[in-house]
Amino acid sequence: MTNILLIDDDEKLGSLLSDYFLQFELTVIHTLSPSEAFRTLENTSFNLIVLDVMLPEMDGFSVCKKIRNTVSSYQNTPIIMLTARGEVTDRIVGLELGADDYLPKPFEPRELVARIHNILRRHSNINSVPSLPEQSNSNKKIRRLISSNIDVDLIKEQVQLDNNPIELTTMEFLLLTLLMKNPNTAFSRDDIMNNLRGIDADLYSRAVDTLVSRLRHKLHDTQKVTRFIKTVWGKGYSFIGEVEQC
């Protein structure tokens, strides 16, 4: 069974989803508040978190930020955010804070299940990330990407920088593999949005820039020293250097 943590103060919704998800082999643990959720996260492992924005104690954006900024076993757990507010700015904020997907309320439970399966499939099979059409090796089964001081294990979803492991969110990992599979190729924001599927059209230009910025920070790229990801003015972003695909 796949363990899902639901953080939502709506008891009726929690009961509905818990029963409905069982037919898809998804086990739901429902917490009604952020404090209860964090206590649960400390003691139980989850494959994915479904997080409401409107919560007591603190809103879902603050919860998402805390999850992503806390060094813990759950720091990089995929997150789907739920909200009754469907404004574009809310969706951008959620994605900027590290959410993997965003679903406005009200929603069909089957759609949420589909999005959960889509994210878990990406999370467990990074090789499904598509390359640019013109890549001649787009169908090649790649297990590792190696370049200078970065070593990416696509099977174990592990990244080493300067021989030290680093933790990336699902979207950061997908972005890094996309760029490394196509070194020295400039990806526009539209290219990135089209390749990092699963977030549909909700990843806007501002969110793309924030995603790139977060990845650069974890790779120790700075404004003064560009080690890996270069901004190609007027075109987009590219991974610089040679990459061995094996």
Protein backbone atom coordinates (compact mmCIF):
# COMPACT_ATOMS: atom_id res chain seq x y z
CA MET A 1 0.00 0.00 0.00
CA THR A 2 1.02 3.60 -0.63
CA ASN A 3 0.85 5.90 2.39
CA ILE A 4 -0.70 9.34 1.89
CA LEU A 5 -0.73 12.05 4.57
CA LEU A 6 -3.76 14.33 4.28
CA ILE A 7 -3.48 17.67 6.12
CA ASP A 8 -6.95 19.22 6.06
CA ASP A 9 -9.30 20.39 8.82
CA ASP A 10 -12.35 19.05 6.96
CA GLU A 11 -13.24 15.79 8.74
CA LYS A 12 -15.89 14.86 6.18
CA LEU A 13 -13.43 15.20 3.29
CA GLY A 14 -10.87 13.12 5.17
CA SER A 15 -13.36 10.32 5.71
CA LEU A 16 -14.49 10.42 2.07
CA LEU A 17 -10.96 10.29 0.68
CA SER A 18 -9.84 7.60 3.14
CA ASP A 19 -12.63 5.27 1.97
CA TYR A 20 -12.36 6.15 -1.71
CA PHE A 21 -8.56 5.78 -1.90
CA LEU A 22 -8.59 2.21 -0.56
CA GLN A 23 -9.76 0.84 -3.92
CA PHE A 24 -6.57 2.28 -5.46
CA GLU A 25 -4.33 0.80 -2.72
CA LEU A 26 -3.75 4.22 -1.20
CA THR A 27 -3.82 4.41 2.60
CA VAL A 28 -4.75 7.83 3.99
CA ILE A 29 -3.74 9.11 7.41
CA HIS A 30 -5.75 12.24 8.07
CA THR A 31 -4.48 15.04 10.33
CA LEU A 32 -6.61 18.08 11.14
CA SER A 33 -3.89 20.60 11.99
CA PRO A 34 -0.25 21.41 11.11
CA SER A 35 0.99 20.53 14.62
CA GLU A 36 -0.65 17.10 14.41
CA ALA A 37 0.76 16.63 10.91
CA PHE A 38 4.35 17.37 11.93
CA ARG A 39 4.10 14.98 14.89
CA THR A 40 2.85 12.32 12.49
CA LEU A 41 5.62 13.03 9.97
CA GLU A 42 8.24 12.48 12.67
CA ASN A 43 6.96 8.98 13.36
CA THR A 44 5.63 7.70 10.04
CA SER A 45 6.95 7.58 6.47
CA PHE A 46 4.71 8.78 3.66
CA ASN A 47 4.93 8.52 -0.11
CA LEU A 48 3.06 11.79 -0.67
CA ILE A 49 1.41 14.66 1.22
CA VAL A 50 -1.94 16.21 0.29
CA LEU A 51 -1.97 19.66 1.88
CA ASP A 52 -4.87 22.11 2.20
CA VAL A 53 -4.11 25.83 2.12
CA MET A 54 -6.80 26.95 4.59
CA LEU A 55 -5.72 25.48 7.94
CA PRO A 56 -5.78 26.42 11.61
CA GLU A 57 -2.50 27.45 13.33
CA MET A 58 -0.77 28.29 10.03
CA ASP A 59 -1.77 28.23 6.38
CA GLY A 60 -0.75 25.54 3.93
CA PHE A 61 1.85 27.76 2.27
CA SER A 62 3.68 28.09 5.61
CA VAL A 63 3.39 24.33 6.18
CA CYS A 64 4.83 23.62 2.71
CA LYS A 65 7.70 26.03 3.32
CA LYS A 66 8.46 24.44 6.70
CA ILE A 67 8.47 20.94 5.21
CA ARG A 68 10.85 21.97 2.44
CA ASN A 69 13.17 23.93 4.77
CA THR A 70 13.37 21.37 7.58
CA VAL A 71 16.27 18.93 7.37
CA SER A 72 14.35 15.69 7.89
CA SER A 73 13.34 12.38 6.36
CA TYR A 74 10.20 14.02 4.94
CA GLN A 75 11.82 17.16 3.50
CA ASN A 76 11.53 16.00 -0.11
CA THR A 77 8.23 14.13 0.10
CA PRO A 78 6.04 15.10 -2.90
CA ILE A 79 3.28 17.58 -2.04
CA ILE A 80 -0.08 18.26 -3.72
CA MET A 81 -1.76 21.42 -2.46
CA LEU A 82 -5.54 21.80 -2.19
CA THR A 83 -7.40 25.08 -1.87
CA ALA A 84 -10.79 26.63 -2.32
CA ARG A 85 -8.97 29.64 -3.76
CA GLY A 86 -8.09 29.02 -7.38
CA GLU A 87 -6.35 32.25 -8.23
CA VAL A 88 -3.25 32.03 -10.41
CA THR A 89 -1.13 33.83 -7.81
CA ASP A 90 -1.97 31.18 -5.19
CA ARG A 91 -0.93 28.41 -7.54
CA ILE A 92 2.34 30.17 -8.31
CA VAL A 93 3.12 30.69 -4.62
CA GLY A 94 2.50 27.02 -3.87
CA LEU A 95 4.80 25.86 -6.67
CA GLU A 96 7.46 28.40 -5.72
CA LEU A 97 7.48 27.04 -2.17
CA GLY A 98 8.18 23.54 -3.46
CA ALA A 99 4.77 21.94 -4.06
CA ASP A 100 4.71 19.39 -6.87
CA ASP A 101 1.13 19.98 -7.98
CA TYR A 102 -1.91 22.08 -7.16
CA LEU A 103 -5.60 21.18 -7.26
CA PRO A 104 -8.38 23.75 -6.61
CA LYS A 105 -11.46 22.77 -4.58
CA PRO A 106 -13.99 21.45 -5.29
CA PHE A 107 -12.42 18.54 -7.16
CA GLU A 108 -13.29 15.03 -8.26
CA PRO A 109 -11.55 12.43 -6.03
CA ARG A 110 -10.62 10.46 -9.15
CA GLU A 111 -8.68 13.45 -10.47
CA LEU A 112 -6.73 13.67 -7.23
CA VAL A 113 -5.94 9.95 -7.48
CA ALA A 114 -4.71 10.46 -11.05
CA ARG A 115 -2.45 13.32 -9.99
CA ILE A 116 -1.09 11.28 -7.08
CA HIS A 117 -0.29 8.36 -9.37
CA ASN A 118 1.31 10.72 -11.90
CA ILE A 119 3.61 12.28 -9.30
CA LEU A 120 4.54 8.93 -7.72
CA ARG A 121 5.28 7.53 -11.18
CA ARG A 122 7.62 10.44 -11.92
CA HIS A 123 9.17 10.13 -8.50
CA SER A 124 9.91 6.42 -8.93
CA ASN A 125 10.92 6.49 -12.60
CA ILE A 126 12.98 9.56 -13.39
CA ASN A 127 13.92 8.05 -16.77
CA SER A 128 10.42 8.98 -17.96
CA VAL A 129 11.45 12.65 -18.16
CA PRO A 130 11.30 13.45 -21.90
CA SER A 131 14.20 14.93 -23.78
CA LEU A 132 14.05 17.43 -26.58
CA PRO A 133 12.74 15.89 -29.80
CA GLU A 134 15.97 16.44 -31.66
CA GLN A 135 18.04 14.37 -29.24
CA SER A 136 19.20 11.28 -31.10
CA ASN A 137 19.54 9.34 -27.84
CA SER A 138 16.05 10.18 -26.51
CA ASN A 139 15.16 6.47 -26.30
CA LYS A 140 18.40 5.42 -24.66
CA LYS A 141 18.05 3.84 -21.23
CA ILE A 142 20.17 6.02 -19.00
CA ARG A 143 21.07 5.02 -15.46
CA ARG A 144 23.62 7.67 -14.48
CA LEU A 145 24.58 11.20 -15.45
CA ILE A 146 28.11 12.30 -14.60
CA SER A 147 29.63 15.72 -15.12
CA SER A 148 32.64 17.23 -13.35
CA ASN A 149 31.58 17.21 -9.69
CA ILE A 150 27.98 16.00 -10.11
CA ASP A 151 26.98 12.33 -10.11
CA VAL A 152 23.28 11.55 -10.63
CA ASP A 153 21.97 8.04 -10.05
CA LEU A 154 18.65 7.92 -11.94
CA ILE A 155 17.68 4.53 -10.53
CA LYS A 156 18.15 5.38 -6.86
CA GLU A 157 17.25 9.06 -7.43
CA GLN A 158 20.40 10.14 -5.62
CA VAL A 159 22.64 13.11 -6.40
CA GLN A 160 26.18 13.66 -5.23
CA LEU A 161 27.91 17.03 -5.43
CA ASP A 162 31.65 17.13 -4.75
CA ASN A 163 31.31 13.53 -3.47
CA ASN A 164 28.67 14.55 -0.91
CA PRO A 165 24.98 13.63 -1.16
CA ILE A 166 22.50 16.49 -1.63
CA GLU A 167 18.72 16.43 -1.21
CA LEU A 168 16.51 17.65 -4.06
CA THR A 169 12.75 17.87 -4.36
CA THR A 170 11.07 15.90 -7.14
CA MET A 171 10.82 18.95 -9.38
CA GLU A 172 14.43 20.00 -8.71
CA PHE A 173 15.60 16.48 -9.56
CA LEU A 174 13.57 16.40 -12.77
CA LEU A 175 14.91 19.79 -13.83
CA LEU A 176 18.51 18.76 -13.18
CA THR A 177 18.15 15.54 -15.17
CA LEU A 178 16.42 17.38 -18.01
CA LEU A 179 19.28 19.88 -18.30
CA MET A 180 22.03 17.27 -17.87
CA LYS A 181 20.54 14.99 -20.53
CA ASN A 182 20.82 17.92 -22.95
CA PRO A 183 24.06 19.71 -21.98
CA ASN A 184 24.87 23.07 -23.53
CA THR A 185 21.30 23.30 -24.87
CA ALA A 186 19.32 26.39 -23.89
CA PHE A 187 15.86 25.59 -22.49
CA SER A 188 13.35 28.42 -22.53
CA ARG A 189 10.75 28.68 -19.78
CA ASP A 190 8.22 27.17 -22.20
CA ASP A 191 10.60 24.26 -22.88
CA ILE A 192 10.87 23.59 -19.17
CA MET A 193 7.10 23.81 -18.67
CA ASN A 194 6.50 21.43 -21.58
CA ASN A 195 9.08 18.90 -20.37
CA LEU A 196 8.26 18.88 -16.68
CA ARG A 197 4.77 17.53 -17.12
CA GLY A 198 2.42 16.69 -14.29
CA ILE A 199 2.00 20.29 -13.18
CA ASP A 200 0.02 21.05 -16.33
CA ALA A 201 -0.09 24.76 -17.17
CA ASP A 202 0.26 25.84 -13.55
CA LEU A 203 4.02 26.31 -13.71
CA TYR A 204 4.37 29.91 -14.88
CA SER A 205 7.49 31.87 -15.82
CA ARG A 206 7.99 33.25 -12.33
CA ALA A 207 7.74 29.76 -10.84
CA VAL A 208 10.24 28.39 -13.39
CA ASP A 209 12.76 31.04 -12.39
CA THR A 210 12.26 30.21 -8.72
CA LEU A 211 12.69 26.49 -9.41
CA VAL A 212 15.95 27.17 -11.25
CA SER A 213 17.11 29.45 -8.43
CA ARG A 214 16.45 26.77 -5.78
CA LEU A 215 18.36 24.18 -7.79
CA ARG A 216 21.28 26.55 -8.33
CA HIS A 217 21.45 27.25 -4.61
CA LYS A 218 21.69 23.54 -3.80
CA LEU A 219 24.39 23.10 -6.45
CA HIS A 220 26.34 26.01 -4.90
CA ASP A 221 26.02 28.08 -8.04
CA THR A 222 26.26 31.81 -7.30
CA GLN A 223 25.81 35.01 -9.27
CA LYS A 224 29.57 35.40 -9.35
CA VAL A 225 30.50 31.77 -9.99
CA THR A 226 28.48 29.65 -12.44
CA ARG A 227 29.52 26.03 -12.08
CA PHE A 228 26.67 24.17 -13.74
CA ILE A 229 23.55 26.11 -14.78
CA LYS A 230 24.03 29.11 -17.04
CA THR A 231 21.51 31.79 -17.94
CA VAL A 232 21.51 32.26 -21.71
CA TRP A 233 20.10 35.76 -22.05
CA GLY A 234 17.09 35.88 -24.32
CA LYS A 235 16.95 32.09 -24.59
CA GLY A 236 16.73 30.44 -21.18
CA TYR A 237 18.86 28.10 -19.11
CA SER A 238 21.47 25.47 -19.98
CA PHE A 239 23.74 22.99 -18.24
CA ILE A 240 27.34 23.82 -19.08
CA GLY A 241 30.08 21.26 -19.59
CA GLU A 242 30.29 17.70 -20.79
CA VAL A 243 27.97 15.01 -19.41
CA GLU A 244 28.61 11.30 -19.51
CA GLN A 245 25.42 9.26 -19.86
CA CYS A 246 25.75 5.65 -18.83
